[in-house]
Amino acid sequence: MSTELTLIVELVTVLGAAATGGYLVSRLGQPVLLGYLFSGLVVGPAGFGLVNVEGDIKVLTEIGVALLLFALGIEFSLKELLKVRIIALGGGTLQILLTTLLGGGLALRHWLGGYPA
């Protein structure tokens, strides 16, 4: 089977599993996202291995992240976001600050010769 055809078959497999998993957990009253994650585990290399080519997995994960961001964007409303603005702004700012300090500290230590190249 050609590489392009393999990718299409794997994409259909992943989307079918995601639809099935999403439907099942929805019927159980759980968030659909949980079904998507579980489906990814089942069809991936850690599960039944229906999708196990590393390059294909990378493409599928990038598509999955884009769809996840889209789904999260649909879920949020401005009204709900304004309710948690203090926590969101404070937590986001704190995360950016701590990540910058940690990354800068590690870079400085590496630059000063703390880590071998």
PDB file of N, CA and C in Angstrom:
ATOM      1  N   MET A   1       0.853  -1.170   0.000  1.00  0.00           N
ATOM      2  CA  MET A   1       0.000   0.000   0.000  1.00  0.00           C
ATOM      3  C   MET A   1       0.901   1.235   0.000  1.00  0.00           C
ATOM      4  N   SER A   2       0.534   2.249  -0.760  1.00  0.00           N
ATOM      5  CA  SER A   2       1.359   3.448  -0.864  1.00  0.00           C
ATOM      6  C   SER A   2       1.286   4.260   0.426  1.00  0.00           C
ATOM      7  N   THR A   3       2.253   5.135   0.603  1.00  0.00           N
ATOM      8  CA  THR A   3       2.342   5.944   1.819  1.00  0.00           C
ATOM      9  C   THR A   3       1.131   6.850   1.984  1.00  0.00           C
ATOM     10  N   GLU A   4       0.688   7.467   0.871  1.00  0.00           N
ATOM     11  CA  GLU A   4      -0.462   8.356   0.938  1.00  0.00           C
ATOM     12  C   GLU A   4      -1.728   7.591   1.324  1.00  0.00           C
ATOM     13  N   LEU A   5      -1.894   6.416   0.752  1.00  0.00           N
ATOM     14  CA  LEU A   5      -3.061   5.609   1.061  1.00  0.00           C
ATOM     15  C   LEU A   5      -3.029   5.135   2.506  1.00  0.00           C
ATOM     16  N   THR A   6      -1.847   4.792   2.997  1.00  0.00           N
ATOM     17  CA  THR A   6      -1.706   4.373   4.393  1.00  0.00           C
ATOM     18  C   THR A   6      -2.115   5.497   5.332  1.00  0.00           C
ATOM     19  N   LEU A   7      -1.678   6.715   5.031  1.00  0.00           N
ATOM     20  CA  LEU A   7      -2.034   7.858   5.870  1.00  0.00           C
ATOM     21  C   LEU A   7      -3.540   8.085   5.872  1.00  0.00           C
ATOM     22  N   ILE A   8      -4.176   7.938   4.718  1.00  0.00           N
ATOM     23  CA  ILE A   8      -5.627   8.129   4.629  1.00  0.00           C
ATOM     24  C   ILE A   8      -6.353   7.062   5.444  1.00  0.00           C
ATOM     25  N   VAL A   9      -5.903   5.818   5.336  1.00  0.00           N
ATOM     26  CA  VAL A   9      -6.522   4.725   6.101  1.00  0.00           C
ATOM     27  C   VAL A   9      -6.347   4.977   7.601  1.00  0.00           C
ATOM     28  N   GLU A  10      -5.150   5.415   8.001  1.00  0.00           N
ATOM     29  CA  GLU A  10      -4.916   5.692   9.414  1.00  0.00           C
ATOM     30  C   GLU A  10      -5.748   6.875   9.895  1.00  0.00           C
ATOM     31  N   LEU A  11      -5.901   7.885   9.056  1.00  0.00           N
ATOM     32  CA  LEU A  11      -6.712   9.040   9.420  1.00  0.00           C
ATOM     33  C   LEU A  11      -8.177   8.640   9.609  1.00  0.00           C
ATOM     34  N   VAL A  12      -8.687   7.819   8.702  1.00  0.00           N
ATOM     35  CA  VAL A  12     -10.069   7.333   8.825  1.00  0.00           C
ATOM     36  C   VAL A  12     -10.212   6.475  10.081  1.00  0.00           C
ATOM     37  N   THR A  13      -9.201   5.664  10.376  1.00  0.00           N
ATOM     38  CA  THR A  13      -9.225   4.826  11.582  1.00  0.00           C
ATOM     39  C   THR A  13      -9.293   5.698  12.830  1.00  0.00           C
ATOM     40  N   VAL A  14      -8.441   6.719  12.891  1.00  0.00           N
ATOM     41  CA  VAL A  14      -8.408   7.598  14.066  1.00  0.00           C
ATOM     42  C   VAL A  14      -9.714   8.369  14.204  1.00  0.00           C
ATOM     43  N   LEU A  15     -10.216   8.932  13.101  1.00  0.00           N
ATOM     44  CA  LEU A  15     -11.469   9.680  13.171  1.00  0.00           C
ATOM     45  C   LEU A  15     -12.650   8.783  13.540  1.00  0.00           C
ATOM     46  N   GLY A  16     -12.661   7.567  13.008  1.00  0.00           N
ATOM     47  CA  GLY A  16     -13.717   6.618  13.367  1.00  0.00           C
ATOM     48  C   GLY A  16     -13.665   6.233  14.838  1.00  0.00           C
ATOM     49  N   ALA A  17     -12.454   5.984  15.330  1.00  0.00           N
ATOM     50  CA  ALA A  17     -12.299   5.645  16.741  1.00  0.00           C
ATOM     51  C   ALA A  17     -12.694   6.826  17.622  1.00  0.00           C
ATOM     52  N   ALA A  18     -12.310   8.031  17.218  1.00  0.00           N
ATOM     53  CA  ALA A  18     -12.656   9.231  17.991  1.00  0.00           C
ATOM     54  C   ALA A  18     -14.169   9.431  18.024  1.00  0.00           C
ATOM     55  N   ALA A  19     -14.831   9.240  16.893  1.00  0.00           N
ATOM     56  CA  ALA A  19     -16.291   9.387  16.849  1.00  0.00           C
ATOM     57  C   ALA A  19     -16.966   8.353  17.734  1.00  0.00           C
ATOM     58  N   THR A  20     -16.485   7.123  17.662  1.00  0.00           N
ATOM     59  CA  THR A  20     -17.055   6.046  18.479  1.00  0.00           C
ATOM     60  C   THR A  20     -16.812   6.304  19.958  1.00  0.00           C
ATOM     61  N   GLY A  21     -15.572   6.640  20.302  1.00  0.00           N
ATOM     62  CA  GLY A  21     -15.244   6.913  21.708  1.00  0.00           C
ATOM     63  C   GLY A  21     -15.997   8.109  22.247  1.00  0.00           C
ATOM     64  N   GLY A  22     -16.102   9.162  21.437  1.00  0.00           N
ATOM     65  CA  GLY A  22     -16.847  10.343  21.852  1.00  0.00           C
ATOM     66  C   GLY A  22     -18.311  10.033  22.090  1.00  0.00           C
ATOM     67  N   TYR A  23     -18.885   9.233  21.206  1.00  0.00           N
ATOM     68  CA  TYR A  23     -20.293   8.865  21.353  1.00  0.00           C
ATOM     69  C   TYR A  23     -20.516   8.031  22.612  1.00  0.00           C
ATOM     70  N   LEU A  24     -19.621   7.065  22.846  1.00  0.00           N
ATOM     71  CA  LEU A  24     -19.795   6.177  24.005  1.00  0.00           C
ATOM     72  C   LEU A  24     -19.697   6.940  25.326  1.00  0.00           C
ATOM     73  N   VAL A  25     -18.691   7.788  25.467  1.00  0.00           N
ATOM     74  CA  VAL A  25     -18.565   8.515  26.735  1.00  0.00           C
ATOM     75  C   VAL A  25     -19.663   9.567  26.882  1.00  0.00           C
ATOM     76  N   SER A  26     -20.165  10.088  25.756  1.00  0.00           N
ATOM     77  CA  SER A  26     -21.273  11.026  25.815  1.00  0.00           C
ATOM     78  C   SER A  26     -22.516  10.331  26.364  1.00  0.00           C
ATOM     79  N   ARG A  27     -22.727   9.105  25.922  1.00  0.00           N
ATOM     80  CA  ARG A  27     -23.869   8.314  26.426  1.00  0.00           C
ATOM     81  C   ARG A  27     -23.730   7.994  27.909  1.00  0.00           C
ATOM     82  N   LEU A  28     -22.479   7.950  28.392  1.00  0.00           N
ATOM     83  CA  LEU A  28     -22.226   7.692  29.810  1.00  0.00           C
ATOM     84  C   LEU A  28     -22.248   8.970  30.645  1.00  0.00           C
ATOM     85  N   GLY A  29     -22.502  10.104  29.977  1.00  0.00           N
ATOM     86  CA  GLY A  29     -22.595  11.366  30.679  1.00  0.00           C
ATOM     87  C   GLY A  29     -21.251  12.021  30.978  1.00  0.00           C
ATOM     88  N   GLN A  30     -20.214  11.595  30.287  1.00  0.00           N
ATOM     89  CA  GLN A  30     -18.875  12.153  30.491  1.00  0.00           C
ATOM     90  C   GLN A  30     -18.541  13.134  29.370  1.00  0.00           C
ATOM     91  N   PRO A  31     -17.507  13.976  29.582  1.00  0.00           N
ATOM     92  CA  PRO A  31     -17.112  14.894  28.509  1.00  0.00           C
ATOM     93  C   PRO A  31     -16.602  14.133  27.279  1.00  0.00           C
ATOM     94  N   VAL A  32     -16.976  14.616  26.115  1.00  0.00           N
ATOM     95  CA  VAL A  32     -16.612  13.962  24.862  1.00  0.00           C
ATOM     96  C   VAL A  32     -15.095  13.912  24.691  1.00  0.00           C
ATOM     97  N   LEU A  33     -14.421  14.925  25.186  1.00  0.00           N
ATOM     98  CA  LEU A  33     -12.967  14.989  25.093  1.00  0.00           C
ATOM     99  C   LEU A  33     -12.307  13.760  25.709  1.00  0.00           C
ATOM    100  N   LEU A  34     -12.896  13.235  26.763  1.00  0.00           N
ATOM    101  CA  LEU A  34     -12.386  12.025  27.402  1.00  0.00           C
ATOM    102  C   LEU A  34     -12.431  10.847  26.434  1.00  0.00           C
ATOM    103  N   GLY A  35     -13.474  10.746  25.653  1.00  0.00           N
ATOM    104  CA  GLY A  35     -13.584   9.692  24.650  1.00  0.00           C
ATOM    105  C   GLY A  35     -12.548   9.832  23.555  1.00  0.00           C
ATOM    106  N   TYR A  36     -12.268  11.078  23.159  1.00  0.00           N
ATOM    107  CA  TYR A  36     -11.250  11.309  22.139  1.00  0.00           C
ATOM    108  C   TYR A  36      -9.877  10.868  22.641  1.00  0.00           C
ATOM    109  N   LEU A  37      -9.559  11.242  23.862  1.00  0.00           N
ATOM    110  CA  LEU A  37      -8.265  10.860  24.430  1.00  0.00           C
ATOM    111  C   LEU A  37      -8.140   9.345  24.565  1.00  0.00           C
ATOM    112  N   PHE A  38      -9.190   8.721  25.054  1.00  0.00           N
ATOM    113  CA  PHE A  38      -9.175   7.268  25.207  1.00  0.00           C
ATOM    114  C   PHE A  38      -9.037   6.577  23.857  1.00  0.00           C
ATOM    115  N   SER A  39      -9.720   7.088  22.849  1.00  0.00           N
ATOM    116  CA  SER A  39      -9.631   6.508  21.504  1.00  0.00           C
ATOM    117  C   SER A  39      -8.217   6.611  20.954  1.00  0.00           C
ATOM    118  N   GLY A  40      -7.559   7.743  21.207  1.00  0.00           N
ATOM    119  CA  GLY A  40      -6.174   7.904  20.777  1.00  0.00           C
ATOM    120  C   GLY A  40      -5.256   6.889  21.430  1.00  0.00           C
ATOM    121  N   LEU A  41      -5.494   6.612  22.691  1.00  0.00           N
ATOM    122  CA  LEU A  41      -4.694   5.598  23.378  1.00  0.00           C
ATOM    123  C   LEU A  41      -4.939   4.203  22.796  1.00  0.00           C
ATOM    124  N   VAL A  42      -6.181   3.931  22.447  1.00  0.00           N
ATOM    125  CA  VAL A  42      -6.528   2.597  21.938  1.00  0.00           C
ATOM    126  C   VAL A  42      -5.914   2.336  20.563  1.00  0.00           C
ATOM    127  N   VAL A  43      -5.993   3.290  19.654  1.00  0.00           N
ATOM    128  CA  VAL A  43      -5.512   3.036  18.291  1.00  0.00           C
ATOM    129  C   VAL A  43      -4.026   3.323  18.123  1.00  0.00           C
ATOM    130  N   GLY A  44      -3.411   4.005  19.081  1.00  0.00           N
ATOM    131  CA  GLY A  44      -1.993   4.359  18.983  1.00  0.00           C
ATOM    132  C   GLY A  44      -1.068   3.194  19.264  1.00  0.00           C
ATOM    133  N   PRO A  45       0.239   3.462  19.233  1.00  0.00           N
ATOM    134  CA  PRO A  45       1.233   2.404  19.455  1.00  0.00           C
ATOM    135  C   PRO A  45       1.127   1.755  20.834  1.00  0.00           C
ATOM    136  N   ALA A  46       0.642   2.488  21.839  1.00  0.00           N
ATOM    137  CA  ALA A  46       0.508   1.925  23.183  1.00  0.00           C
ATOM    138  C   ALA A  46      -0.717   1.018  23.300  1.00  0.00           C
ATOM    139  N   GLY A  47      -1.654   1.134  22.367  1.00  0.00           N
ATOM    140  CA  GLY A  47      -2.864   0.318  22.404  1.00  0.00           C
ATOM    141  C   GLY A  47      -2.765  -0.845  21.432  1.00  0.00           C
ATOM    142  N   PHE A  48      -3.697  -0.884  20.487  1.00  0.00           N
ATOM    143  CA  PHE A  48      -3.707  -1.956  19.488  1.00  0.00           C
ATOM    144  C   PHE A  48      -2.701  -1.733  18.361  1.00  0.00           C
ATOM    145  N   GLY A  49      -2.101  -0.566  18.309  1.00  0.00           N
ATOM    146  CA  GLY A  49      -1.079  -0.289  17.297  1.00  0.00           C
ATOM    147  C   GLY A  49      -1.618  -0.141  15.882  1.00  0.00           C
ATOM    148  N   LEU A  50      -2.864   0.297  15.756  1.00  0.00           N
ATOM    149  CA  LEU A  50      -3.434   0.481  14.418  1.00  0.00           C
ATOM    150  C   LEU A  50      -2.742   1.626  13.682  1.00  0.00           C
ATOM    151  N   VAL A  51      -2.214   2.578  14.433  1.00  0.00           N
ATOM    152  CA  VAL A  51      -1.418   3.675  13.879  1.00  0.00           C
ATOM    153  C   VAL A  51      -0.087   3.633  14.608  1.00  0.00           C
ATOM    154  N   ASN A  52       0.973   3.263  13.884  1.00  0.00           N
ATOM    155  CA  ASN A  52       2.251   3.124  14.575  1.00  0.00           C
ATOM    156  C   ASN A  52       3.447   3.671  13.798  1.00  0.00           C
ATOM    157  N   VAL A  53       3.224   4.316  12.678  1.00  0.00           N
ATOM    158  CA  VAL A  53       4.318   4.919  11.930  1.00  0.00           C
ATOM    159  C   VAL A  53       4.571   6.302  12.529  1.00  0.00           C
ATOM    160  N   GLU A  54       5.805   6.559  12.952  1.00  0.00           N
ATOM    161  CA  GLU A  54       6.113   7.787  13.691  1.00  0.00           C
ATOM    162  C   GLU A  54       5.744   9.054  12.925  1.00  0.00           C
ATOM    163  N   GLY A  55       6.048   9.123  11.650  1.00  0.00           N
ATOM    164  CA  GLY A  55       5.712  10.299  10.857  1.00  0.00           C
ATOM    165  C   GLY A  55       4.214  10.513  10.766  1.00  0.00           C
ATOM    166  N   ASP A  56       3.478   9.426  10.618  1.00  0.00           N
ATOM    167  CA  ASP A  56       2.017   9.524  10.548  1.00  0.00           C
ATOM    168  C   ASP A  56       1.440   9.984  11.885  1.00  0.00           C
ATOM    169  N   ILE A  57       2.016   9.498  12.964  1.00  0.00           N
ATOM    170  CA  ILE A  57       1.537   9.887  14.288  1.00  0.00           C
ATOM    171  C   ILE A  57       1.738  11.382  14.492  1.00  0.00           C
ATOM    172  N   LYS A  58       2.861  11.892  14.025  1.00  0.00           N
ATOM    173  CA  LYS A  58       3.123  13.327  14.169  1.00  0.00           C
ATOM    174  C   LYS A  58       2.083  14.152  13.411  1.00  0.00           C
ATOM    175  N   VAL A  59       1.772  13.740  12.210  1.00  0.00           N
ATOM    176  CA  VAL A  59       0.762  14.452  11.412  1.00  0.00           C
ATOM    177  C   VAL A  59      -0.598  14.385  12.107  1.00  0.00           C
ATOM    178  N   LEU A  60      -0.958  13.208  12.584  1.00  0.00           N
ATOM    179  CA  LEU A  60      -2.253  13.038  13.238  1.00  0.00           C
ATOM    180  C   LEU A  60      -2.329  13.825  14.545  1.00  0.00           C
ATOM    181  N   THR A  61      -1.228  13.890  15.292  1.00  0.00           N
ATOM    182  CA  THR A  61      -1.262  14.658  16.538  1.00  0.00           C
ATOM    183  C   THR A  61      -1.401  16.150  16.264  1.00  0.00           C
ATOM    184  N   GLU A  62      -0.769  16.629  15.196  1.00  0.00           N
ATOM    185  CA  GLU A  62      -0.917  18.042  14.865  1.00  0.00           C
ATOM    186  C   GLU A  62      -2.355  18.365  14.466  1.00  0.00           C
ATOM    187  N   ILE A  63      -2.972  17.471  13.722  1.00  0.00           N
ATOM    188  CA  ILE A  63      -4.390  17.649  13.372  1.00  0.00           C
ATOM    189  C   ILE A  63      -5.238  17.596  14.638  1.00  0.00           C
ATOM    190  N   GLY A  64      -4.922  16.654  15.511  1.00  0.00           N
ATOM    191  CA  GLY A  64      -5.659  16.508  16.770  1.00  0.00           C
ATOM    192  C   GLY A  64      -5.563  17.733  17.653  1.00  0.00           C
ATOM    193  N   VAL A  65      -4.384  18.313  17.748  1.00  0.00           N
ATOM    194  CA  VAL A  65      -4.214  19.529  18.560  1.00  0.00           C
ATOM    195  C   VAL A  65      -5.009  20.679  17.964  1.00  0.00           C
ATOM    196  N   ALA A  66      -4.985  20.807  16.655  1.00  0.00           N
ATOM    197  CA  ALA A  66      -5.754  21.874  16.009  1.00  0.00           C
ATOM    198  C   ALA A  66      -7.248  21.695  16.278  1.00  0.00           C
ATOM    199  N   LEU A  67      -7.742  20.470  16.178  1.00  0.00           N
ATOM    200  CA  LEU A  67      -9.160  20.211  16.456  1.00  0.00           C
ATOM    201  C   LEU A  67      -9.491  20.423  17.931  1.00  0.00           C
ATOM    202  N   LEU A  68      -8.557  20.060  18.818  1.00  0.00           N
ATOM    203  CA  LEU A  68      -8.769  20.265  20.241  1.00  0.00           C
ATOM    204  C   LEU A  68      -8.873  21.753  20.560  1.00  0.00           C
ATOM    205  N   LEU A  69      -7.984  22.553  19.996  1.00  0.00           N
ATOM    206  CA  LEU A  69      -8.043  23.990  20.222  1.00  0.00           C
ATOM    207  C   LEU A  69      -9.335  24.580  19.676  1.00  0.00           C
ATOM    208  N   PHE A  70      -9.767  24.074  18.535  1.00  0.00           N
ATOM    209  CA  PHE A  70     -11.031  24.527  17.960  1.00  0.00           C
ATOM    210  C   PHE A  70     -12.192  24.180  18.889  1.00  0.00           C
ATOM    211  N   ALA A  71     -12.205  22.945  19.399  1.00  0.00           N
ATOM    212  CA  ALA A  71     -13.282  22.511  20.294  1.00  0.00           C
ATOM    213  C   ALA A  71     -13.284  23.321  21.587  1.00  0.00           C
ATOM    214  N   LEU A  72     -12.106  23.596  22.124  1.00  0.00           N
ATOM    215  CA  LEU A  72     -12.040  24.400  23.340  1.00  0.00           C
ATOM    216  C   LEU A  72     -12.499  25.830  23.082  1.00  0.00           C
ATOM    217  N   GLY A  73     -12.170  26.353  21.914  1.00  0.00           N
ATOM    218  CA  GLY A  73     -12.609  27.695  21.562  1.00  0.00           C
ATOM    219  C   GLY A  73     -14.122  27.793  21.458  1.00  0.00           C
ATOM    220  N   ILE A  74     -14.746  26.738  20.980  1.00  0.00           N
ATOM    221  CA  ILE A  74     -16.210  26.720  20.891  1.00  0.00           C
ATOM    222  C   ILE A  74     -16.837  26.638  22.277  1.00  0.00           C
ATOM    223  N   GLU A  75     -16.193  25.903  23.197  1.00  0.00           N
ATOM    224  CA  GLU A  75     -16.726  25.707  24.536  1.00  0.00           C
ATOM    225  C   GLU A  75     -16.730  26.995  25.360  1.00  0.00           C
ATOM    226  N   PHE A  76     -15.727  27.843  25.180  1.00  0.00           N
ATOM    227  CA  PHE A  76     -15.614  29.039  25.997  1.00  0.00           C
ATOM    228  C   PHE A  76     -16.489  30.158  25.467  1.00  0.00           C
ATOM    229  N   SER A  77     -17.139  30.823  26.383  1.00  0.00           N
ATOM    230  CA  SER A  77     -17.859  32.036  26.021  1.00  0.00           C
ATOM    231  C   SER A  77     -17.196  33.193  26.764  1.00  0.00           C
ATOM    232  N   LEU A  78     -17.327  34.362  26.244  1.00  0.00           N
ATOM    233  CA  LEU A  78     -16.725  35.540  26.866  1.00  0.00           C
ATOM    234  C   LEU A  78     -17.304  35.752  28.266  1.00  0.00           C
ATOM    235  N   LYS A  79     -18.570  35.451  28.426  1.00  0.00           N
ATOM    236  CA  LYS A  79     -19.234  35.615  29.724  1.00  0.00           C
ATOM    237  C   LYS A  79     -18.579  34.706  30.773  1.00  0.00           C
ATOM    238  N   GLU A  80     -18.320  33.450  30.408  1.00  0.00           N
ATOM    239  CA  GLU A  80     -17.676  32.520  31.336  1.00  0.00           C
ATOM    240  C   GLU A  80     -16.235  32.918  31.608  1.00  0.00           C
ATOM    241  N   LEU A  81     -15.556  33.402  30.595  1.00  0.00           N
ATOM    242  CA  LEU A  81     -14.158  33.806  30.754  1.00  0.00           C
ATOM    243  C   LEU A  81     -14.041  35.017  31.678  1.00  0.00           C
ATOM    244  N   LEU A  82     -14.992  35.930  31.601  1.00  0.00           N
ATOM    245  CA  LEU A  82     -14.960  37.101  32.477  1.00  0.00           C
ATOM    246  C   LEU A  82     -15.169  36.728  33.941  1.00  0.00           C
ATOM    247  N   LYS A  83     -15.874  35.623  34.197  1.00  0.00           N
ATOM    248  CA  LYS A  83     -16.091  35.165  35.571  1.00  0.00           C
ATOM    249  C   LYS A  83     -14.783  34.758  36.238  1.00  0.00           C
ATOM    250  N   VAL A  84     -13.856  34.225  35.473  1.00  0.00           N
ATOM    251  CA  VAL A  84     -12.598  33.725  36.040  1.00  0.00           C
ATOM    252  C   VAL A  84     -11.403  34.573  35.617  1.00  0.00           C
ATOM    253  N   ARG A  85     -11.644  35.820  35.252  1.00  0.00           N
ATOM    254  CA  ARG A  85     -10.566  36.654  34.712  1.00  0.00           C
ATOM    255  C   ARG A  85      -9.430  36.850  35.701  1.00  0.00           C
ATOM    256  N   ILE A  86      -9.723  36.994  36.989  1.00  0.00           N
ATOM    257  CA  ILE A  86      -8.662  37.202  37.981  1.00  0.00           C
ATOM    258  C   ILE A  86      -7.762  35.970  38.050  1.00  0.00           C
ATOM    259  N   ILE A  87      -8.371  34.808  38.131  1.00  0.00           N
ATOM    260  CA  ILE A  87      -7.592  33.566  38.200  1.00  0.00           C
ATOM    261  C   ILE A  87      -6.842  33.330  36.893  1.00  0.00           C
ATOM    262  N   ALA A  88      -7.516  33.534  35.773  1.00  0.00           N
ATOM    263  CA  ALA A  88      -6.888  33.288  34.469  1.00  0.00           C
ATOM    264  C   ALA A  88      -5.729  34.243  34.226  1.00  0.00           C
ATOM    265  N   LEU A  89      -5.936  35.516  34.480  1.00  0.00           N
ATOM    266  CA  LEU A  89      -4.871  36.492  34.254  1.00  0.00           C
ATOM    267  C   LEU A  89      -3.727  36.301  35.245  1.00  0.00           C
ATOM    268  N   GLY A  90      -4.074  36.081  36.506  1.00  0.00           N
ATOM    269  CA  GLY A  90      -3.036  35.869  37.521  1.00  0.00           C
ATOM    270  C   GLY A  90      -2.251  34.588  37.275  1.00  0.00           C
ATOM    271  N   GLY A  91      -2.973  33.507  36.999  1.00  0.00           N
ATOM    272  CA  GLY A  91      -2.311  32.225  36.747  1.00  0.00           C
ATOM    273  C   GLY A  91      -1.494  32.242  35.469  1.00  0.00           C
ATOM    274  N   GLY A  92      -2.019  32.871  34.432  1.00  0.00           N
ATOM    275  CA  GLY A  92      -1.283  32.966  33.165  1.00  0.00           C
ATOM    276  C   GLY A  92      -0.025  33.791  33.310  1.00  0.00           C
ATOM    277  N   THR A  93      -0.151  34.920  34.006  1.00  0.00           N
ATOM    278  CA  THR A  93       1.013  35.771  34.234  1.00  0.00           C
ATOM    279  C   THR A  93       2.061  35.057  35.076  1.00  0.00           C
ATOM    280  N   LEU A  94       1.615  34.366  36.119  1.00  0.00           N
ATOM    281  CA  LEU A  94       2.538  33.618  36.974  1.00  0.00           C
ATOM    282  C   LEU A  94       3.247  32.518  36.185  1.00  0.00           C
ATOM    283  N   GLN A  95       2.513  31.816  35.340  1.00  0.00           N
ATOM    284  CA  GLN A  95       3.114  30.756  34.535  1.00  0.00           C
ATOM    285  C   GLN A  95       4.170  31.318  33.582  1.00  0.00           C
ATOM    286  N   ILE A  96       3.864  32.397  32.918  1.00  0.00           N
ATOM    287  CA  ILE A  96       4.816  33.015  31.993  1.00  0.00           C
ATOM    288  C   ILE A  96       6.058  33.475  32.742  1.00  0.00           C
ATOM    289  N   LEU A  97       5.853  34.102  33.903  1.00  0.00           N
ATOM    290  CA  LEU A  97       6.973  34.601  34.693  1.00  0.00           C
ATOM    291  C   LEU A  97       7.869  33.468  35.169  1.00  0.00           C
ATOM    292  N   LEU A  98       7.274  32.420  35.742  1.00  0.00           N
ATOM    293  CA  LEU A  98       8.071  31.297  36.250  1.00  0.00           C
ATOM    294  C   LEU A  98       8.790  30.550  35.128  1.00  0.00           C
ATOM    295  N   THR A  99       8.121  30.382  34.005  1.00  0.00           N
ATOM    296  CA  THR A  99       8.748  29.702  32.869  1.00  0.00           C
ATOM    297  C   THR A  99       9.914  30.518  32.331  1.00  0.00           C
ATOM    298  N   THR A 100       9.730  31.836  32.251  1.00  0.00           N
ATOM    299  CA  THR A 100      10.813  32.705  31.787  1.00  0.00           C
ATOM    300  C   THR A 100      12.001  32.652  32.739  1.00  0.00           C
ATOM    301  N   LEU A 101      11.729  32.717  34.038  1.00  0.00           N
ATOM    302  CA  LEU A 101      12.821  32.668  35.012  1.00  0.00           C
ATOM    303  C   LEU A 101      13.549  31.326  34.986  1.00  0.00           C
ATOM    304  N   LEU A 102      12.799  30.241  34.914  1.00  0.00           N
ATOM    305  CA  LEU A 102      13.420  28.923  34.873  1.00  0.00           C
ATOM    306  C   LEU A 102      14.228  28.729  33.597  1.00  0.00           C
ATOM    307  N   GLY A 103      13.640  29.074  32.462  1.00  0.00           N
ATOM    308  CA  GLY A 103      14.351  28.946  31.193  1.00  0.00           C
ATOM    309  C   GLY A 103      15.570  29.846  31.135  1.00  0.00           C
ATOM    310  N   GLY A 104      15.417  31.084  31.604  1.00  0.00           N
ATOM    311  CA  GLY A 104      16.552  32.003  31.629  1.00  0.00           C
ATOM    312  C   GLY A 104      17.656  31.522  32.552  1.00  0.00           C
ATOM    313  N   GLY A 105      17.272  30.985  33.695  1.00  0.00           N
ATOM    314  CA  GLY A 105      18.271  30.450  34.630  1.00  0.00           C
ATOM    315  C   GLY A 105      19.023  29.268  34.040  1.00  0.00           C
ATOM    316  N   LEU A 106      18.310  28.369  33.395  1.00  0.00           N
ATOM    317  CA  LEU A 106      18.970  27.226  32.760  1.00  0.00           C
ATOM    318  C   LEU A 106      19.868  27.660  31.611  1.00  0.00           C
ATOM    319  N   ALA A 107      19.408  28.629  30.832  1.00  0.00           N
ATOM    320  CA  ALA A 107      20.226  29.137  29.727  1.00  0.00           C
ATOM    321  C   ALA A 107      21.482  29.818  30.258  1.00  0.00           C
ATOM    322  N   LEU A 108      21.325  30.597  31.312  1.00  0.00           N
ATOM    323  CA  LEU A 108      22.476  31.280  31.908  1.00  0.00           C
ATOM    324  C   LEU A 108      23.476  30.279  32.465  1.00  0.00           C
ATOM    325  N   ARG A 109      22.980  29.259  33.142  1.00  0.00           N
ATOM    326  CA  ARG A 109      23.872  28.222  33.691  1.00  0.00           C
ATOM    327  C   ARG A 109      24.614  27.510  32.570  1.00  0.00           C
ATOM    328  N   HIS A 110      23.903  27.208  31.488  1.00  0.00           N
ATOM    329  CA  HIS A 110      24.548  26.558  30.347  1.00  0.00           C
ATOM    330  C   HIS A 110      25.593  27.488  29.733  1.00  0.00           C
ATOM    331  N   TRP A 111      25.259  28.760  29.596  1.00  0.00           N
ATOM    332  CA  TRP A 111      26.162  29.742  28.992  1.00  0.00           C
ATOM    333  C   TRP A 111      27.411  29.929  29.850  1.00  0.00           C
ATOM    334  N   LEU A 112      27.250  29.868  31.168  1.00  0.00           N
ATOM    335  CA  LEU A 112      28.395  30.026  32.060  1.00  0.00           C
ATOM    336  C   LEU A 112      29.219  28.744  32.198  1.00  0.00           C
ATOM    337  N   GLY A 113      28.790  27.691  31.544  1.00  0.00           N
ATOM    338  CA  GLY A 113      29.561  26.453  31.545  1.00  0.00           C
ATOM    339  C   GLY A 113      29.105  25.434  32.571  1.00  0.00           C
ATOM    340  N   GLY A 114      27.916  25.589  33.081  1.00  0.00           N
ATOM    341  CA  GLY A 114      27.402  24.643  34.081  1.00  0.00           C
ATOM    342  C   GLY A 114      27.045  23.299  33.506  1.00  0.00           C
ATOM    343  N   TYR A 115      26.725  23.241  32.223  1.00  0.00           N
ATOM    344  CA  TYR A 115      26.349  21.996  31.570  1.00  0.00           C
ATOM    345  C   TYR A 115      27.288  21.739  30.410  1.00  0.00           C
ATOM    346  N   PRO A 116      27.674  20.497  30.192  1.00  0.00           N
ATOM    347  CA  PRO A 116      28.517  20.212  29.012  1.00  0.00           C
ATOM    348  C   PRO A 116      27.710  20.373  27.728  1.00  0.00           C
ATOM    349  N   ALA A 117      28.378  20.742  26.674  1.00  0.00           N
ATOM    350  CA  ALA A 117      27.707  20.997  25.386  1.00  0.00           C
ATOM    351  C   ALA A 117      27.255  19.773  24.716  1.00  0.00           C
TER     352      ALA A 117
END
